[in-house]
Amino acid sequence: MLDLFGDEEPWAEPLAEGAVVLRRRAREQAGAILAQVQQIAARNPFVHRFTPGGQRMSAAMTHCGDFGWASESRGYGYAEPRSDAGRCPPMPALFRELAVSCAREAGFSGFNPDFCLVNRYEPGAKMGLHQDKDERDLRQPIVSVSLGLPAVFLFGGFERTDATQRLLLEHGDVVVWGGPSRLRFHGILPLKPGSHPDAGAFRYNLTFRRAR
């Protein structure tokens, strides 16, 4: 596991054109980020949503920012906060600063996220291969922050059936993808049991987007 080298400074690992893993990038801020996640969840609790096909999603979700998040028969999408029971908390400054900084390091200057989706994985939870394509401006990247238990991230091509890279993501790792890689399929294999000193039996994933 990469944590054998946990004392090393953050470093970057290219994935594809427009995609990079920033190893350890969020580790120093992890405690403060998790504290903010708990505050967000106190106002907008984690829930297991359903796919458009009616399947219960194994990862629980909450969110913050300028919009709500909807999953319905027509698909996924963003909604005005008032349609999300008025519970959508604003995005903490710490979140925005981290996302903007990571995007800049990955070559995407000018990123200004207006939405953060937080997924909480427990052992056995997973995320099937999918594209993030509900945002209005697909020139804007996705910034994805991993905290807590390690997970295997699948990074594929532009068809669901394309071959995938498998990457171990650990506490504090950040993946950024955009430009020619913006619509690549990606997902998470089932989380293995474990215990993390900061996150307990969970993995938290924060994905920052420019929705509108």
C-alpha atoms as a PDB file:
ATOM      1  CA  MET A   1       0.000   0.000   0.000  1.00  0.00           C
ATOM      2  CA  LEU A   2       1.128   3.547  -0.688  1.00  0.00           C
ATOM      3  CA  ASP A   3       0.865   4.424   3.009  1.00  0.00           C
ATOM      4  CA  LEU A   4       4.144   2.575   3.517  1.00  0.00           C
ATOM      5  CA  PHE A   5       5.613   5.776   2.133  1.00  0.00           C
ATOM      6  CA  GLY A   6       3.349   8.104   4.088  1.00  0.00           C
ATOM      7  CA  ASP A   7       6.127  10.543   5.018  1.00  0.00           C
ATOM      8  CA  GLU A   8       6.744  11.534   1.416  1.00  0.00           C
ATOM      9  CA  GLU A   9       5.694  14.936   0.080  1.00  0.00           C
ATOM     10  CA  PRO A  10       2.696  15.074  -2.282  1.00  0.00           C
ATOM     11  CA  TRP A  11       3.433  14.131  -5.876  1.00  0.00           C
ATOM     12  CA  ALA A  12       1.573  13.923  -9.175  1.00  0.00           C
ATOM     13  CA  GLU A  13       0.871  10.804 -11.249  1.00  0.00           C
ATOM     14  CA  PRO A  14      -0.462  11.363 -14.794  1.00  0.00           C
ATOM     15  CA  LEU A  15      -3.412   9.152 -15.768  1.00  0.00           C
ATOM     16  CA  ALA A  16      -4.215  10.322 -19.271  1.00  0.00           C
ATOM     17  CA  GLU A  17      -4.251  13.577 -21.210  1.00  0.00           C
ATOM     18  CA  GLY A  18      -6.126  15.980 -18.932  1.00  0.00           C
ATOM     19  CA  ALA A  19      -6.182  13.595 -15.952  1.00  0.00           C
ATOM     20  CA  VAL A  20      -3.833  13.303 -12.963  1.00  0.00           C
ATOM     21  CA  VAL A  21      -3.678  11.888  -9.433  1.00  0.00           C
ATOM     22  CA  LEU A  22      -2.308  14.336  -6.856  1.00  0.00           C
ATOM     23  CA  ARG A  23      -1.091  11.944  -4.193  1.00  0.00           C
ATOM     24  CA  ARG A  24      -1.403  13.100  -0.557  1.00  0.00           C
ATOM     25  CA  ARG A  25      -2.552  16.528  -1.717  1.00  0.00           C
ATOM     26  CA  ALA A  26      -5.405  16.895   0.794  1.00  0.00           C
ATOM     27  CA  ARG A  27      -3.852  14.970   3.685  1.00  0.00           C
ATOM     28  CA  GLU A  28      -2.854  17.974   5.808  1.00  0.00           C
ATOM     29  CA  GLN A  29      -6.356  19.453   5.524  1.00  0.00           C
ATOM     30  CA  ALA A  30      -8.173  16.139   5.971  1.00  0.00           C
ATOM     31  CA  GLY A  31      -9.193  16.644   9.598  1.00  0.00           C
ATOM     32  CA  ALA A  32     -10.705  20.044   8.897  1.00  0.00           C
ATOM     33  CA  ILE A  33     -12.451  18.728   5.783  1.00  0.00           C
ATOM     34  CA  LEU A  34     -14.020  15.828   7.672  1.00  0.00           C
ATOM     35  CA  ALA A  35     -15.194  18.187  10.411  1.00  0.00           C
ATOM     36  CA  GLN A  36     -16.917  20.301   7.760  1.00  0.00           C
ATOM     37  CA  VAL A  37     -18.487  17.190   6.234  1.00  0.00           C
ATOM     38  CA  GLN A  38     -20.062  16.368   9.594  1.00  0.00           C
ATOM     39  CA  GLN A  39     -21.466  19.886   9.848  1.00  0.00           C
ATOM     40  CA  ILE A  40     -22.936  19.600   6.371  1.00  0.00           C
ATOM     41  CA  ALA A  41     -24.449  16.197   7.205  1.00  0.00           C
ATOM     42  CA  ALA A  42     -26.034  17.614  10.358  1.00  0.00           C
ATOM     43  CA  ARG A  43     -28.036  19.961   8.148  1.00  0.00           C
ATOM     44  CA  ASN A  44     -28.358  17.780   5.056  1.00  0.00           C
ATOM     45  CA  PRO A  45     -28.136  14.142   6.272  1.00  0.00           C
ATOM     46  CA  PHE A  46     -26.506  11.342   4.300  1.00  0.00           C
ATOM     47  CA  VAL A  47     -29.109   9.309   2.394  1.00  0.00           C
ATOM     48  CA  HIS A  48     -29.030   6.325   0.048  1.00  0.00           C
ATOM     49  CA  ARG A  49     -30.550   7.533  -3.192  1.00  0.00           C
ATOM     50  CA  PHE A  50     -31.961   5.378  -5.968  1.00  0.00           C
ATOM     51  CA  THR A  51     -30.745   5.032  -9.522  1.00  0.00           C
ATOM     52  CA  PRO A  52     -33.097   5.922 -12.386  1.00  0.00           C
ATOM     53  CA  GLY A  53     -33.625   2.161 -12.717  1.00  0.00           C
ATOM     54  CA  GLY A  54     -34.886   1.923  -9.127  1.00  0.00           C
ATOM     55  CA  GLN A  55     -31.806   0.363  -7.504  1.00  0.00           C
ATOM     56  CA  ARG A  56     -30.720   1.606  -4.071  1.00  0.00           C
ATOM     57  CA  MET A  57     -27.241   3.103  -4.280  1.00  0.00           C
ATOM     58  CA  SER A  58     -24.779   1.527  -1.851  1.00  0.00           C
ATOM     59  CA  ALA A  59     -22.937   4.799  -1.149  1.00  0.00           C
ATOM     60  CA  ALA A  60     -24.759   7.335   1.001  1.00  0.00           C
ATOM     61  CA  MET A  61     -24.776  10.937  -0.238  1.00  0.00           C
ATOM     62  CA  THR A  62     -24.992  14.510   0.917  1.00  0.00           C
ATOM     63  CA  HIS A  63     -23.972  17.732  -0.799  1.00  0.00           C
ATOM     64  CA  CYS A  64     -23.322  21.443  -0.468  1.00  0.00           C
ATOM     65  CA  GLY A  65     -23.064  24.454  -2.733  1.00  0.00           C
ATOM     66  CA  ASP A  66     -25.417  26.498  -4.868  1.00  0.00           C
ATOM     67  CA  PHE A  67     -27.629  23.629  -6.011  1.00  0.00           C
ATOM     68  CA  GLY A  68     -29.392  20.521  -4.792  1.00  0.00           C
ATOM     69  CA  TRP A  69     -28.915  17.053  -6.271  1.00  0.00           C
ATOM     70  CA  ALA A  70     -31.693  14.965  -7.751  1.00  0.00           C
ATOM     71  CA  SER A  71     -31.952  11.329  -8.776  1.00  0.00           C
ATOM     72  CA  GLU A  72     -35.192  10.435 -10.519  1.00  0.00           C
ATOM     73  CA  SER A  73     -36.581   8.307 -13.322  1.00  0.00           C
ATOM     74  CA  ARG A  74     -35.227  10.705 -15.956  1.00  0.00           C
ATOM     75  CA  GLY A  75     -31.704  10.533 -14.540  1.00  0.00           C
ATOM     76  CA  TYR A  76     -29.455  12.621 -12.317  1.00  0.00           C
ATOM     77  CA  GLY A  77     -29.229  16.383 -12.225  1.00  0.00           C
ATOM     78  CA  TYR A  78     -28.976  19.610 -10.298  1.00  0.00           C
ATOM     79  CA  ALA A  79     -31.859  21.448  -8.711  1.00  0.00           C
ATOM     80  CA  GLU A  80     -32.323  24.821  -7.072  1.00  0.00           C
ATOM     81  CA  PRO A  81     -31.805  24.580  -3.276  1.00  0.00           C
ATOM     82  CA  ARG A  82     -35.432  25.456  -2.599  1.00  0.00           C
ATOM     83  CA  SER A  83     -36.462  22.203  -4.333  1.00  0.00           C
ATOM     84  CA  ASP A  84     -34.119  20.294  -1.996  1.00  0.00           C
ATOM     85  CA  ALA A  85     -36.161  21.076   1.131  1.00  0.00           C
ATOM     86  CA  GLY A  86     -34.029  24.163   1.785  1.00  0.00           C
ATOM     87  CA  ARG A  87     -31.293  22.018   3.342  1.00  0.00           C
ATOM     88  CA  CYS A  88     -28.451  22.612   0.879  1.00  0.00           C
ATOM     89  CA  PRO A  89     -25.643  24.231   2.921  1.00  0.00           C
ATOM     90  CA  PRO A  90     -23.217  26.631   1.259  1.00  0.00           C
ATOM     91  CA  MET A  91     -19.835  25.314   0.196  1.00  0.00           C
ATOM     92  CA  PRO A  92     -17.202  25.937   2.911  1.00  0.00           C
ATOM     93  CA  ALA A  93     -14.361  28.236   1.881  1.00  0.00           C
ATOM     94  CA  LEU A  94     -11.879  25.458   2.693  1.00  0.00           C
ATOM     95  CA  PHE A  95     -13.553  23.183   0.131  1.00  0.00           C
ATOM     96  CA  ARG A  96     -13.547  25.801  -2.607  1.00  0.00           C
ATOM     97  CA  GLU A  97      -9.927  26.791  -2.006  1.00  0.00           C
ATOM     98  CA  LEU A  98      -8.774  23.160  -2.132  1.00  0.00           C
ATOM     99  CA  ALA A  99     -10.694  22.402  -5.329  1.00  0.00           C
ATOM    100  CA  VAL A 100      -9.486  25.545  -7.092  1.00  0.00           C
ATOM    101  CA  SER A 101      -5.882  24.905  -6.060  1.00  0.00           C
ATOM    102  CA  CYS A 102      -5.925  21.253  -7.160  1.00  0.00           C
ATOM    103  CA  ALA A 103      -7.522  22.134 -10.488  1.00  0.00           C
ATOM    104  CA  ARG A 104      -4.848  24.751 -11.088  1.00  0.00           C
ATOM    105  CA  GLU A 105      -2.094  22.234 -10.301  1.00  0.00           C
ATOM    106  CA  ALA A 106      -3.643  19.866 -12.835  1.00  0.00           C
ATOM    107  CA  GLY A 107      -3.603  22.546 -15.519  1.00  0.00           C
ATOM    108  CA  PHE A 108      -7.156  23.892 -15.189  1.00  0.00           C
ATOM    109  CA  SER A 109      -6.920  27.524 -14.118  1.00  0.00           C
ATOM    110  CA  GLY A 110     -10.106  29.483 -13.589  1.00  0.00           C
ATOM    111  CA  PHE A 111     -12.086  26.594 -12.072  1.00  0.00           C
ATOM    112  CA  ASN A 112     -14.797  27.936  -9.753  1.00  0.00           C
ATOM    113  CA  PRO A 113     -16.897  25.058  -8.350  1.00  0.00           C
ATOM    114  CA  ASP A 114     -20.474  25.736  -7.332  1.00  0.00           C
ATOM    115  CA  PHE A 115     -21.360  22.222  -6.116  1.00  0.00           C
ATOM    116  CA  CYS A 116     -19.782  19.462  -4.022  1.00  0.00           C
ATOM    117  CA  LEU A 117     -21.218  15.949  -3.847  1.00  0.00           C
ATOM    118  CA  VAL A 118     -20.073  13.931  -0.814  1.00  0.00           C
ATOM    119  CA  ASN A 119     -20.283  10.138  -1.012  1.00  0.00           C
ATOM    120  CA  ARG A 120     -19.840   8.012   2.113  1.00  0.00           C
ATOM    121  CA  TYR A 121     -18.794   4.415   1.488  1.00  0.00           C
ATOM    122  CA  GLU A 122     -19.058   1.631   4.036  1.00  0.00           C
ATOM    123  CA  PRO A 123     -17.556  -1.839   3.496  1.00  0.00           C
ATOM    124  CA  GLY A 124     -19.107  -3.424   0.421  1.00  0.00           C
ATOM    125  CA  ALA A 125     -20.281  -0.109  -1.042  1.00  0.00           C
ATOM    126  CA  LYS A 126     -19.275   0.646  -4.614  1.00  0.00           C
ATOM    127  CA  MET A 127     -19.942   2.974  -7.524  1.00  0.00           C
ATOM    128  CA  GLY A 128     -20.551   1.547 -10.983  1.00  0.00           C
ATOM    129  CA  LEU A 129     -18.858   2.913 -14.073  1.00  0.00           C
ATOM    130  CA  HIS A 130     -20.439   6.213 -15.066  1.00  0.00           C
ATOM    131  CA  GLN A 131     -19.750   9.580 -16.656  1.00  0.00           C
ATOM    132  CA  ASP A 132     -20.185  12.965 -15.004  1.00  0.00           C
ATOM    133  CA  LYS A 133     -22.094  14.679 -17.792  1.00  0.00           C
ATOM    134  CA  ASP A 134     -24.939  16.603 -16.142  1.00  0.00           C
ATOM    135  CA  GLU A 135     -22.934  19.813 -15.850  1.00  0.00           C
ATOM    136  CA  ARG A 136     -23.658  22.662 -18.256  1.00  0.00           C
ATOM    137  CA  ASP A 137     -20.036  23.462 -19.159  1.00  0.00           C
ATOM    138  CA  LEU A 138     -18.059  20.288 -19.820  1.00  0.00           C
ATOM    139  CA  ARG A 139     -14.895  22.338 -20.296  1.00  0.00           C
ATOM    140  CA  GLN A 140     -14.725  22.550 -16.498  1.00  0.00           C
ATOM    141  CA  PRO A 141     -12.895  19.672 -14.739  1.00  0.00           C
ATOM    142  CA  ILE A 142     -13.951  17.320 -11.971  1.00  0.00           C
ATOM    143  CA  VAL A 143     -11.921  17.432  -8.740  1.00  0.00           C
ATOM    144  CA  SER A 144     -12.321  14.303  -6.586  1.00  0.00           C
ATOM    145  CA  VAL A 145     -10.929  14.077  -3.028  1.00  0.00           C
ATOM    146  CA  SER A 146     -10.558  10.734  -1.206  1.00  0.00           C
ATOM    147  CA  LEU A 147     -10.518  10.536   2.601  1.00  0.00           C
ATOM    148  CA  GLY A 148     -10.571   7.607   5.015  1.00  0.00           C
ATOM    149  CA  LEU A 149     -10.328   3.972   3.951  1.00  0.00           C
ATOM    150  CA  PRO A 150      -8.471   3.136   0.730  1.00  0.00           C
ATOM    151  CA  ALA A 151     -10.447   2.224  -2.365  1.00  0.00           C
ATOM    152  CA  VAL A 152      -9.749   0.995  -5.882  1.00  0.00           C
ATOM    153  CA  PHE A 153     -10.666   3.638  -8.455  1.00  0.00           C
ATOM    154  CA  LEU A 154     -11.561   2.555 -11.979  1.00  0.00           C
ATOM    155  CA  PHE A 155     -10.668   5.001 -14.743  1.00  0.00           C
ATOM    156  CA  GLY A 156     -11.832   3.934 -18.154  1.00  0.00           C
ATOM    157  CA  GLY A 157     -12.438   5.223 -21.644  1.00  0.00           C
ATOM    158  CA  PHE A 158     -15.380   6.816 -23.405  1.00  0.00           C
ATOM    159  CA  GLU A 159     -17.489   3.675 -23.628  1.00  0.00           C
ATOM    160  CA  ARG A 160     -18.612   1.661 -20.627  1.00  0.00           C
ATOM    161  CA  THR A 161     -17.042  -1.451 -22.117  1.00  0.00           C
ATOM    162  CA  ASP A 162     -13.579   0.093 -22.582  1.00  0.00           C
ATOM    163  CA  ALA A 163     -10.682  -1.265 -20.534  1.00  0.00           C
ATOM    164  CA  THR A 164     -10.085   0.458 -17.179  1.00  0.00           C
ATOM    165  CA  GLN A 165      -7.054   1.438 -15.172  1.00  0.00           C
ATOM    166  CA  ARG A 166      -7.187   0.385 -11.512  1.00  0.00           C
ATOM    167  CA  LEU A 167      -5.684   2.804  -9.006  1.00  0.00           C
ATOM    168  CA  LEU A 168      -5.494   2.531  -5.245  1.00  0.00           C
ATOM    169  CA  LEU A 169      -6.685   5.820  -3.759  1.00  0.00           C
ATOM    170  CA  GLU A 170      -5.785   6.526  -0.150  1.00  0.00           C
ATOM    171  CA  HIS A 171      -6.397   9.174   2.470  1.00  0.00           C
ATOM    172  CA  GLY A 172      -5.727  12.608   1.013  1.00  0.00           C
ATOM    173  CA  ASP A 173      -5.366  11.602  -2.635  1.00  0.00           C
ATOM    174  CA  VAL A 174      -7.008  13.893  -5.205  1.00  0.00           C
ATOM    175  CA  VAL A 175      -7.926  12.967  -8.773  1.00  0.00           C
ATOM    176  CA  VAL A 176      -8.548  15.705 -11.339  1.00  0.00           C
ATOM    177  CA  TRP A 177      -9.834  15.044 -14.845  1.00  0.00           C
ATOM    178  CA  GLY A 178     -11.024  17.370 -17.580  1.00  0.00           C
ATOM    179  CA  GLY A 179     -10.326  18.510 -21.111  1.00  0.00           C
ATOM    180  CA  PRO A 180      -9.967  15.461 -23.387  1.00  0.00           C
ATOM    181  CA  SER A 181     -10.575  13.136 -20.404  1.00  0.00           C
ATOM    182  CA  ARG A 182     -13.652  14.933 -19.058  1.00  0.00           C
ATOM    183  CA  LEU A 183     -16.165  12.284 -20.173  1.00  0.00           C
ATOM    184  CA  ARG A 184     -14.197   9.172 -19.321  1.00  0.00           C
ATOM    185  CA  PHE A 185     -16.101   6.479 -17.430  1.00  0.00           C
ATOM    186  CA  HIS A 186     -15.010   5.945 -13.827  1.00  0.00           C
ATOM    187  CA  GLY A 187     -16.143   4.075 -10.716  1.00  0.00           C
ATOM    188  CA  ILE A 188     -15.170   2.466  -7.402  1.00  0.00           C
ATOM    189  CA  LEU A 189     -14.799  -1.248  -6.625  1.00  0.00           C
ATOM    190  CA  PRO A 190     -16.505  -2.572  -3.450  1.00  0.00           C
ATOM    191  CA  LEU A 191     -14.838  -1.086  -0.372  1.00  0.00           C
ATOM    192  CA  LYS A 192     -12.938  -3.513   1.805  1.00  0.00           C
ATOM    193  CA  PRO A 193     -13.492  -3.530   5.604  1.00  0.00           C
ATOM    194  CA  GLY A 194     -11.073  -1.576   7.752  1.00  0.00           C
ATOM    195  CA  SER A 195     -10.701   1.218  10.244  1.00  0.00           C
ATOM    196  CA  HIS A 196      -9.148   4.615   9.645  1.00  0.00           C
ATOM    197  CA  PRO A 197      -8.014   6.828  12.552  1.00  0.00           C
ATOM    198  CA  ASP A 198      -9.835   9.875  11.147  1.00  0.00           C
ATOM    199  CA  ALA A 199     -12.791   8.354   9.298  1.00  0.00           C
ATOM    200  CA  GLY A 200     -13.515   5.124  11.167  1.00  0.00           C
ATOM    201  CA  ALA A 201     -15.053   2.400   9.001  1.00  0.00           C
ATOM    202  CA  PHE A 202     -15.805   4.734   6.079  1.00  0.00           C
ATOM    203  CA  ARG A 203     -14.379   6.246   2.950  1.00  0.00           C
ATOM    204  CA  TYR A 204     -15.502   9.758   2.072  1.00  0.00           C
ATOM    205  CA  ASN A 205     -15.278  11.095  -1.455  1.00  0.00           C
ATOM    206  CA  LEU A 206     -15.853  14.751  -2.291  1.00  0.00           C
ATOM    207  CA  THR A 207     -16.360  15.627  -5.947  1.00  0.00           C
ATOM    208  CA  PHE A 208     -16.321  19.279  -6.967  1.00  0.00           C
ATOM    209  CA  ARG A 209     -18.072  20.430 -10.117  1.00  0.00           C
ATOM    210  CA  ARG A 210     -19.128  23.561 -11.930  1.00  0.00           C
ATOM    211  CA  ALA A 211     -22.790  22.722 -12.410  1.00  0.00           C
ATOM    212  CA  ARG A 212     -24.097  25.864 -14.107  1.00  0.00           C
END
